[in-house]
Amino acid sequence: MATVRLGNRLRVARAELRLSQEQLATMAGVTRQTISSIENGQYGPSALLAFVIAHRLGKAVTDLFFIEGDTP
């Protein structure tokens, strides 16, 4: 099986709105550490959290999250 991981454009989207990690975390109902971990690729959010973050940022989930790695 190919190695894949969830990539994201969260940092860029957050910066476009001039939001801190803390502000986005409050908007999404999570901790700042969770946002940091997602941005750094250390944590893949649940589908629900990905949709909540996208909604709070006014983006589609596919604008923020994508599969990276080898294709099968």
C-alpha atoms as a PDB file:
ATOM      1  CA  MET A   1       0.000   0.000   0.000  1.00  0.00           C
ATOM      2  CA  ALA A   2       1.259   3.482  -0.848  1.00  0.00           C
ATOM      3  CA  THR A   3       2.291   5.838   1.910  1.00  0.00           C
ATOM      4  CA  VAL A   4      -0.088   8.776   2.088  1.00  0.00           C
ATOM      5  CA  ARG A   5      -0.723  11.495   4.597  1.00  0.00           C
ATOM      6  CA  LEU A   6      -3.073  14.380   5.033  1.00  0.00           C
ATOM      7  CA  GLY A   7      -1.585  17.678   3.931  1.00  0.00           C
ATOM      8  CA  ASN A   8      -3.128  21.025   4.693  1.00  0.00           C
ATOM      9  CA  ARG A   9      -3.144  24.683   3.784  1.00  0.00           C
ATOM     10  CA  LEU A  10      -4.437  25.712   7.186  1.00  0.00           C
ATOM     11  CA  ARG A  11      -1.592  28.083   8.093  1.00  0.00           C
ATOM     12  CA  VAL A  12      -2.012  29.996   4.815  1.00  0.00           C
ATOM     13  CA  ALA A  13      -5.799  30.218   5.148  1.00  0.00           C
ATOM     14  CA  ARG A  14      -5.492  31.372   8.751  1.00  0.00           C
ATOM     15  CA  ALA A  15      -2.894  34.006   7.826  1.00  0.00           C
ATOM     16  CA  GLU A  16      -5.118  35.345   5.028  1.00  0.00           C
ATOM     17  CA  LEU A  17      -7.722  36.147   7.679  1.00  0.00           C
ATOM     18  CA  ARG A  18      -5.074  37.423  10.116  1.00  0.00           C
ATOM     19  CA  LEU A  19      -6.123  34.899  12.748  1.00  0.00           C
ATOM     20  CA  SER A  20      -3.807  33.532  15.405  1.00  0.00           C
ATOM     21  CA  GLN A  21      -3.761  29.840  16.213  1.00  0.00           C
ATOM     22  CA  GLU A  22      -5.470  30.722  19.488  1.00  0.00           C
ATOM     23  CA  GLN A  23      -8.272  32.609  17.726  1.00  0.00           C
ATOM     24  CA  LEU A  24      -8.928  29.779  15.276  1.00  0.00           C
ATOM     25  CA  ALA A  25      -8.807  27.255  18.103  1.00  0.00           C
ATOM     26  CA  THR A  26     -11.482  29.186  19.993  1.00  0.00           C
ATOM     27  CA  MET A  27     -13.628  29.420  16.853  1.00  0.00           C
ATOM     28  CA  ALA A  28     -13.301  25.653  16.274  1.00  0.00           C
ATOM     29  CA  GLY A  29     -13.701  24.599  19.908  1.00  0.00           C
ATOM     30  CA  VAL A  30     -10.243  23.045  20.252  1.00  0.00           C
ATOM     31  CA  THR A  31      -6.928  23.993  21.838  1.00  0.00           C
ATOM     32  CA  ARG A  32      -4.195  26.070  20.226  1.00  0.00           C
ATOM     33  CA  GLN A  33      -1.989  22.985  20.430  1.00  0.00           C
ATOM     34  CA  THR A  34      -4.470  21.062  18.270  1.00  0.00           C
ATOM     35  CA  ILE A  35      -4.344  23.746  15.573  1.00  0.00           C
ATOM     36  CA  SER A  36      -0.546  23.784  15.751  1.00  0.00           C
ATOM     37  CA  SER A  37      -0.374  19.997  15.458  1.00  0.00           C
ATOM     38  CA  ILE A  38      -2.692  20.006  12.435  1.00  0.00           C
ATOM     39  CA  GLU A  39      -0.698  22.756  10.727  1.00  0.00           C
ATOM     40  CA  ASN A  40       2.559  20.872  11.323  1.00  0.00           C
ATOM     41  CA  GLY A  41       1.152  17.587  10.007  1.00  0.00           C
ATOM     42  CA  GLN A  42       1.510  15.858  13.384  1.00  0.00           C
ATOM     43  CA  TYR A  43      -2.237  15.328  13.780  1.00  0.00           C
ATOM     44  CA  GLY A  44      -4.921  14.544  11.233  1.00  0.00           C
ATOM     45  CA  PRO A  45      -8.244  16.046  12.301  1.00  0.00           C
ATOM     46  CA  SER A  46     -11.440  14.029  12.343  1.00  0.00           C
ATOM     47  CA  ALA A  47     -13.797  14.630   9.436  1.00  0.00           C
ATOM     48  CA  LEU A  48     -16.052  16.641  11.739  1.00  0.00           C
ATOM     49  CA  LEU A  49     -13.205  18.877  12.933  1.00  0.00           C
ATOM     50  CA  ALA A  50     -11.979  19.395   9.355  1.00  0.00           C
ATOM     51  CA  PHE A  51     -15.474  20.532   8.346  1.00  0.00           C
ATOM     52  CA  VAL A  52     -15.806  22.803  11.400  1.00  0.00           C
ATOM     53  CA  ILE A  53     -12.444  24.468  10.690  1.00  0.00           C
ATOM     54  CA  ALA A  54     -13.289  24.904   7.010  1.00  0.00           C
ATOM     55  CA  HIS A  55     -16.690  26.377   7.877  1.00  0.00           C
ATOM     56  CA  ARG A  56     -15.186  28.814  10.392  1.00  0.00           C
ATOM     57  CA  LEU A  57     -12.645  29.954   7.781  1.00  0.00           C
ATOM     58  CA  GLY A  58     -15.260  30.219   5.020  1.00  0.00           C
ATOM     59  CA  LYS A  59     -13.495  27.598   2.911  1.00  0.00           C
ATOM     60  CA  ALA A  60     -14.334  24.216   1.418  1.00  0.00           C
ATOM     61  CA  VAL A  61     -12.684  21.264   3.165  1.00  0.00           C
ATOM     62  CA  THR A  62     -10.869  20.449  -0.076  1.00  0.00           C
ATOM     63  CA  ASP A  63      -9.401  23.972  -0.100  1.00  0.00           C
ATOM     64  CA  LEU A  64      -7.744  23.253   3.239  1.00  0.00           C
ATOM     65  CA  PHE A  65      -6.965  19.531   3.287  1.00  0.00           C
ATOM     66  CA  PHE A  66      -5.499  17.214   0.656  1.00  0.00           C
ATOM     67  CA  ILE A  67      -3.829  13.809   0.294  1.00  0.00           C
ATOM     68  CA  GLU A  68      -0.091  13.908  -0.253  1.00  0.00           C
ATOM     69  CA  GLY A  69       2.298  11.073  -0.939  1.00  0.00           C
ATOM     70  CA  ASP A  70       2.572   8.250  -3.404  1.00  0.00           C
ATOM     71  CA  THR A  71      -0.386   7.412  -5.588  1.00  0.00           C
ATOM     72  CA  PRO A  72      -1.348   3.734  -5.907  1.00  0.00           C
END
